[in-house]
Amino acid sequence: MTEYPYNAKRRYKKWTDDEIRILKAYYGILPHHVIARLLDRSPYGVLMKAYKLGLKSDCPRGRIPKLLAKYIEKYYENRIKRYADL
């Protein structure tokens, strides 16, 4: 176990191998806030861990026009189906 000076406690729970595997599988496919809910983590924590692992996301950010929203959902559904066997 890691030694912390002055009895300092960790402010976050340690990432498990399973959580990292899920993050690598779905980062870039699902928005980070959805992954955060799946893993019971904060959205910022998911972003920081992905950054530290060197993961890149092609997930759109910001507001999406309603016309494009259903096409984007279909795109993500198809990509999720490909990764479902992990």
Protein backbone atom coordinates (compact mmCIF):
# COMPACT_ATOMS: atom_id res chain seq x y z
CA MET A 1 0.00 0.00 0.00
CA THR A 2 1.19 3.51 -0.77
CA GLU A 3 2.52 5.53 2.12
CA TYR A 4 1.00 9.00 2.44
CA PRO A 5 2.67 11.78 4.42
CA TYR A 6 0.88 13.17 7.47
CA ASN A 7 -1.80 10.45 7.40
CA ALA A 8 -3.32 11.94 4.26
CA LYS A 9 -6.16 9.89 2.80
CA ARG A 10 -6.91 9.24 -0.85
CA ARG A 11 -9.79 11.41 -2.11
CA TYR A 12 -10.83 8.93 -4.76
CA LYS A 13 -11.15 5.19 -4.99
CA LYS A 14 -8.42 3.34 -6.82
CA TRP A 15 -9.16 2.26 -10.40
CA THR A 16 -9.54 -1.51 -10.77
CA ASP A 17 -8.38 -3.50 -13.79
CA ASP A 18 -12.00 -4.16 -14.77
CA GLU A 19 -12.85 -0.43 -14.66
CA ILE A 20 -9.84 0.39 -16.82
CA ARG A 21 -10.84 -2.33 -19.30
CA ILE A 22 -14.37 -0.87 -19.52
CA LEU A 23 -12.99 2.65 -19.93
CA LYS A 24 -10.70 1.55 -22.77
CA ALA A 25 -13.54 -0.31 -24.48
CA TYR A 26 -16.13 2.48 -24.35
CA TYR A 27 -14.12 5.72 -24.32
CA GLY A 28 -14.72 7.44 -27.62
CA ILE A 29 -17.90 5.46 -28.18
CA LEU A 30 -20.00 6.72 -25.28
CA PRO A 31 -19.86 10.23 -23.81
CA HIS A 32 -17.66 10.46 -20.72
CA HIS A 33 -20.59 11.31 -18.42
CA VAL A 34 -22.34 8.05 -19.41
CA ILE A 35 -19.18 6.05 -18.70
CA ALA A 36 -18.93 7.86 -15.36
CA ARG A 37 -22.42 6.68 -14.42
CA LEU A 38 -21.59 3.11 -15.47
CA LEU A 39 -18.46 3.07 -13.33
CA ASP A 40 -19.84 5.13 -10.43
CA ARG A 41 -17.15 7.75 -10.96
CA SER A 42 -17.16 11.49 -11.58
CA PRO A 43 -17.11 12.69 -15.19
CA TYR A 44 -13.90 14.60 -14.46
CA GLY A 45 -12.32 11.45 -13.03
CA VAL A 46 -13.14 9.55 -16.21
CA LEU A 47 -11.64 12.31 -18.35
CA MET A 48 -8.46 12.44 -16.28
CA LYS A 49 -7.96 8.67 -16.29
CA ALA A 50 -8.52 8.57 -20.05
CA TYR A 51 -5.97 11.35 -20.47
CA LYS A 52 -3.42 9.50 -18.33
CA LEU A 53 -3.98 6.33 -20.37
CA GLY A 54 -3.55 8.29 -23.62
CA LEU A 55 -7.07 7.57 -24.89
CA LYS A 56 -8.59 9.77 -27.58
CA SER A 57 -12.30 10.41 -28.10
CA ASP A 58 -14.15 11.15 -31.31
CA CYS A 59 -17.38 11.57 -29.38
CA PRO A 60 -19.02 14.91 -30.28
CA ARG A 61 -19.02 17.64 -27.66
CA GLY A 62 -21.39 20.51 -27.08
CA ARG A 63 -24.94 20.82 -28.32
CA ILE A 64 -26.01 18.53 -31.12
CA PRO A 65 -28.75 19.62 -33.53
CA LYS A 66 -31.88 17.52 -33.03
CA LEU A 67 -31.81 16.45 -36.67
CA LEU A 68 -28.39 14.83 -36.21
CA ALA A 69 -29.09 13.35 -32.78
CA LYS A 70 -30.87 10.21 -34.01
CA TYR A 71 -28.17 9.50 -36.61
CA ILE A 72 -25.49 9.86 -33.97
CA GLU A 73 -27.37 7.46 -31.68
CA LYS A 74 -27.48 4.85 -34.45
CA TYR A 75 -23.76 5.34 -35.04
CA TYR A 76 -22.97 4.71 -31.37
CA GLU A 77 -25.32 1.71 -31.21
CA ASN A 78 -23.45 0.08 -34.09
CA ARG A 79 -20.07 0.77 -32.51
CA ILE A 80 -21.23 -0.56 -29.11
CA LYS A 81 -22.42 -3.79 -30.72
CA ARG A 82 -18.92 -4.34 -32.11
CA TYR A 83 -17.35 -3.95 -28.66
CA ALA A 84 -19.99 -5.96 -26.79
CA ASP A 85 -17.90 -9.12 -27.03
CA LEU A 86 -15.02 -7.69 -24.96
